[in-house]
């Protein structure tokens, strides 16, 4: 009767697979993602902190956006040079981290969520994500074309 009991525990211990097919960022990728998110947070905090010093044209936001774009370019270069597995996913995670941290830093310093900043950040994040993805895809095309000898 115990053989037909569906609630009886198994006789042998369960064996779980030691490898998975899930592609997660490697240690280097996580370090890059954490580094750029800290840079984005610092740039957001600094940008909002110096905002009262500028009247009219907000040069601090222009400088902050320029710095963020430089960070995005650096992220793409790092992942292209290292040729890390799943580079496009890692690049897009890092780009989302840098722009998200920038927004969080700015909003923390301001004490509120500003709709204009949210819109601006979303537009630059989307543009950066497209740039990063196309850049990684172009590298993939170049590598496969040279390997095939065509």
Foldseek 3Di string as FASTA:
>chain_A
DVVPDPPDDDPDDDDDDPDDPDDDDDPVLVVLLVVLLVVLLVLLQVLLVCQVVDPDDSVSVVVSLVVLVVSLVVLLVVCLVVVDPPSLVSSLSSLCSNLVSSQVNNCVNVVHRDPVSVVVSVVSSVVSSVVSNVSVVVSVVVVVCVVVVD
